[in-house]
Amino acid sequence: MQGGGSASQVPNLKENSSPASGTVRGPAARGLCDTGRVQLDEFQHGIQLFNAANFFEAHEVLEEVWRAAPAPERKFLQGLIQVAVALHHHSRGNTVGCRSLLARASRNLSAYPVRHAGLDLTALFQTLQEWCAALEEGRSVPPPPKLELTC
């Protein structure tokens, strides 16, 4: 992948594990949804905007959540913001920026359990892998990912 690695750099995550620590986490490992450490309403709004393909607006809302978030959640939020900005870049024809940000987002998100902040990151990583492969091979990209929020 030019300027950002290859599609193979998108991590493959194991169910209920954290790639960074190897710690097994159950489905209840919801992260910031149940801690009160972030602006939950704004987080949910950012996810709704993302799922409506309003990627620039999603990035703006999630950035506000990121600014107020505690350190342990900042890389996670940064990863989500990077995915939103990557998809925005793609919508504007900037495939180089898209590819670079998808790679950085994948690295940031891979430090978290597959179920974090009420999101299933396994499905997100699968879609990111498909996007990276399509961009690398010059094929049409699949539909953008949807983030299923359970909090």
Protein backbone atom coordinates (compact mmCIF):
# COMPACT_ATOMS: atom_id res chain seq x y z
CA MET A 1 0.00 0.00 0.00
CA GLN A 2 1.62 3.21 -1.11
CA GLY A 3 2.40 5.62 1.72
CA GLY A 4 0.70 3.54 4.38
CA GLY A 5 1.76 -0.09 4.28
CA SER A 6 -0.19 -2.95 2.78
CA ALA A 7 -3.64 -4.35 3.28
CA SER A 8 -2.02 -7.11 5.30
CA GLN A 9 -1.19 -4.51 7.97
CA VAL A 10 -4.84 -4.37 9.01
CA PRO A 11 -4.85 -6.57 12.12
CA ASN A 12 -6.78 -9.80 12.37
CA LEU A 13 -8.29 -9.81 15.83
CA LYS A 14 -9.27 -12.79 17.94
CA GLU A 15 -12.66 -12.83 19.59
CA ASN A 16 -12.70 -11.12 22.99
CA SER A 17 -8.97 -10.46 23.08
CA SER A 18 -6.83 -7.38 23.12
CA PRO A 19 -4.01 -7.65 20.58
CA ALA A 20 -1.81 -5.35 22.62
CA SER A 21 -2.08 -7.21 25.90
CA GLY A 22 -3.45 -10.66 25.05
CA THR A 23 -6.01 -10.11 27.81
CA VAL A 24 -9.23 -12.02 27.35
CA ARG A 25 -12.28 -9.83 27.67
CA GLY A 26 -15.92 -10.86 27.79
CA PRO A 27 -18.76 -9.26 25.87
CA ALA A 28 -19.34 -6.96 28.84
CA ALA A 29 -16.01 -5.20 28.16
CA ARG A 30 -17.78 -2.14 26.86
CA GLY A 31 -15.16 0.48 27.57
CA LEU A 32 -16.26 4.07 27.50
CA CYS A 33 -19.99 3.35 27.14
CA ASP A 34 -20.43 2.48 30.78
CA THR A 35 -17.69 4.48 32.48
CA GLY A 36 -19.11 7.98 32.38
CA ARG A 37 -15.64 9.12 31.29
CA VAL A 38 -16.76 10.52 27.94
CA GLN A 39 -19.69 12.46 26.54
CA LEU A 40 -21.82 9.43 25.71
CA ASP A 41 -24.55 11.40 23.89
CA GLU A 42 -21.96 13.03 21.64
CA PHE A 43 -20.20 9.69 21.06
CA GLN A 44 -23.51 8.12 20.00
CA HIS A 45 -24.26 11.13 17.77
CA GLY A 46 -20.85 10.80 16.11
CA ILE A 47 -21.53 7.12 15.40
CA GLN A 48 -24.95 7.99 13.92
CA LEU A 49 -23.32 10.55 11.62
CA PHE A 50 -20.68 8.01 10.61
CA ASN A 51 -23.34 5.42 9.76
CA ALA A 52 -25.22 8.01 7.69
CA ALA A 53 -22.00 8.52 5.67
CA ASN A 54 -21.61 12.05 7.02
CA PHE A 55 -17.93 11.35 7.62
CA PHE A 56 -16.69 14.92 7.94
CA GLU A 57 -19.41 15.76 10.47
CA ALA A 58 -18.78 12.50 12.34
CA HIS A 59 -15.11 13.40 12.60
CA GLU A 60 -15.98 16.84 13.99
CA VAL A 61 -18.31 15.42 16.68
CA LEU A 62 -15.98 12.56 17.63
CA GLU A 63 -13.07 14.99 17.86
CA GLU A 64 -14.94 16.90 20.57
CA VAL A 65 -15.44 13.63 22.47
CA TRP A 66 -11.74 12.83 21.97
CA ARG A 67 -10.65 16.20 23.40
CA ALA A 68 -12.50 15.55 26.67
CA ALA A 69 -11.70 11.81 26.90
CA PRO A 70 -9.29 10.31 29.41
CA ALA A 71 -5.93 9.08 28.12
CA PRO A 72 -6.88 5.36 27.93
CA GLU A 73 -9.68 6.11 25.44
CA ARG A 74 -7.93 8.70 23.28
CA LYS A 75 -6.19 6.30 20.84
CA PHE A 76 -9.45 4.43 20.36
CA LEU A 77 -11.33 7.60 19.54
CA GLN A 78 -8.45 8.80 17.38
CA GLY A 79 -8.71 5.54 15.40
CA LEU A 80 -12.44 6.04 14.79
CA ILE A 81 -11.82 9.64 13.76
CA GLN A 82 -9.11 8.49 11.36
CA VAL A 83 -11.51 6.01 9.75
CA ALA A 84 -14.09 8.79 9.31
CA VAL A 85 -11.51 11.15 7.80
CA ALA A 86 -10.19 8.38 5.53
CA LEU A 87 -13.68 7.76 4.18
CA HIS A 88 -14.18 11.49 3.74
CA HIS A 89 -10.91 11.66 1.78
CA HIS A 90 -12.12 8.82 -0.42
CA SER A 91 -15.40 10.62 -1.10
CA ARG A 92 -13.35 13.61 -2.32
CA GLY A 93 -11.13 11.48 -4.57
CA ASN A 94 -8.06 11.47 -2.30
CA THR A 95 -7.20 7.76 -2.34
CA VAL A 96 -3.63 8.29 -1.10
CA GLY A 97 -4.91 10.09 2.01
CA CYS A 98 -7.60 7.46 2.46
CA ARG A 99 -5.12 4.58 2.36
CA SER A 100 -2.70 6.28 4.74
CA LEU A 101 -5.38 7.10 7.30
CA LEU A 102 -6.92 3.62 7.14
CA ALA A 103 -3.52 2.13 7.98
CA ARG A 104 -3.00 4.52 10.91
CA ALA A 105 -6.55 3.94 12.16
CA SER A 106 -6.01 0.19 12.08
CA ARG A 107 -2.86 0.51 14.16
CA ASN A 108 -4.59 2.69 16.75
CA LEU A 109 -7.70 0.52 17.01
CA SER A 110 -5.73 -2.74 17.20
CA ALA A 111 -4.66 -1.87 20.75
CA TYR A 112 -8.24 -2.36 22.00
CA PRO A 113 -10.36 -5.46 22.62
CA VAL A 114 -12.58 -6.63 19.75
CA ARG A 115 -15.59 -5.44 21.73
CA HIS A 116 -14.91 -1.95 23.01
CA ALA A 117 -17.02 1.12 23.62
CA GLY A 118 -20.14 -0.77 22.59
CA LEU A 119 -18.66 -1.52 19.15
CA ASP A 120 -17.70 -4.82 17.53
CA LEU A 121 -14.30 -4.03 16.05
CA THR A 122 -14.11 -7.40 14.30
CA ALA A 123 -16.65 -6.30 11.70
CA LEU A 124 -14.92 -2.94 11.30
CA PHE A 125 -11.51 -4.58 10.75
CA GLN A 126 -13.00 -6.94 8.17
CA THR A 127 -14.40 -4.01 6.22
CA LEU A 128 -11.14 -2.07 6.54
CA GLN A 129 -9.25 -5.07 5.14
CA GLU A 130 -11.65 -5.18 2.19
CA TRP A 131 -11.22 -1.45 1.59
CA CYS A 132 -7.42 -1.62 1.77
CA ALA A 133 -7.29 -4.57 -0.63
CA ALA A 134 -9.63 -2.85 -3.10
CA LEU A 135 -7.65 0.38 -2.99
CA GLU A 136 -4.36 -1.46 -3.37
CA GLU A 137 -5.65 -3.47 -6.35
CA GLY A 138 -7.40 -0.53 -8.00
CA ARG A 139 -10.83 -2.12 -7.63
CA SER A 140 -14.08 -0.50 -6.54
CA VAL A 141 -14.36 -0.28 -2.79
CA PRO A 142 -17.14 -2.05 -0.91
CA PRO A 143 -19.83 -0.08 0.90
CA PRO A 144 -18.46 1.94 3.82
CA PRO A 145 -18.43 0.25 7.20
CA LYS A 146 -21.31 0.63 9.61
CA LEU A 147 -20.63 0.86 13.32
CA GLU A 148 -23.16 -1.09 15.36
CA LEU A 149 -23.33 0.58 18.74
CA THR A 150 -24.71 -1.48 21.62
CA CYS A 151 -24.75 1.17 24.34
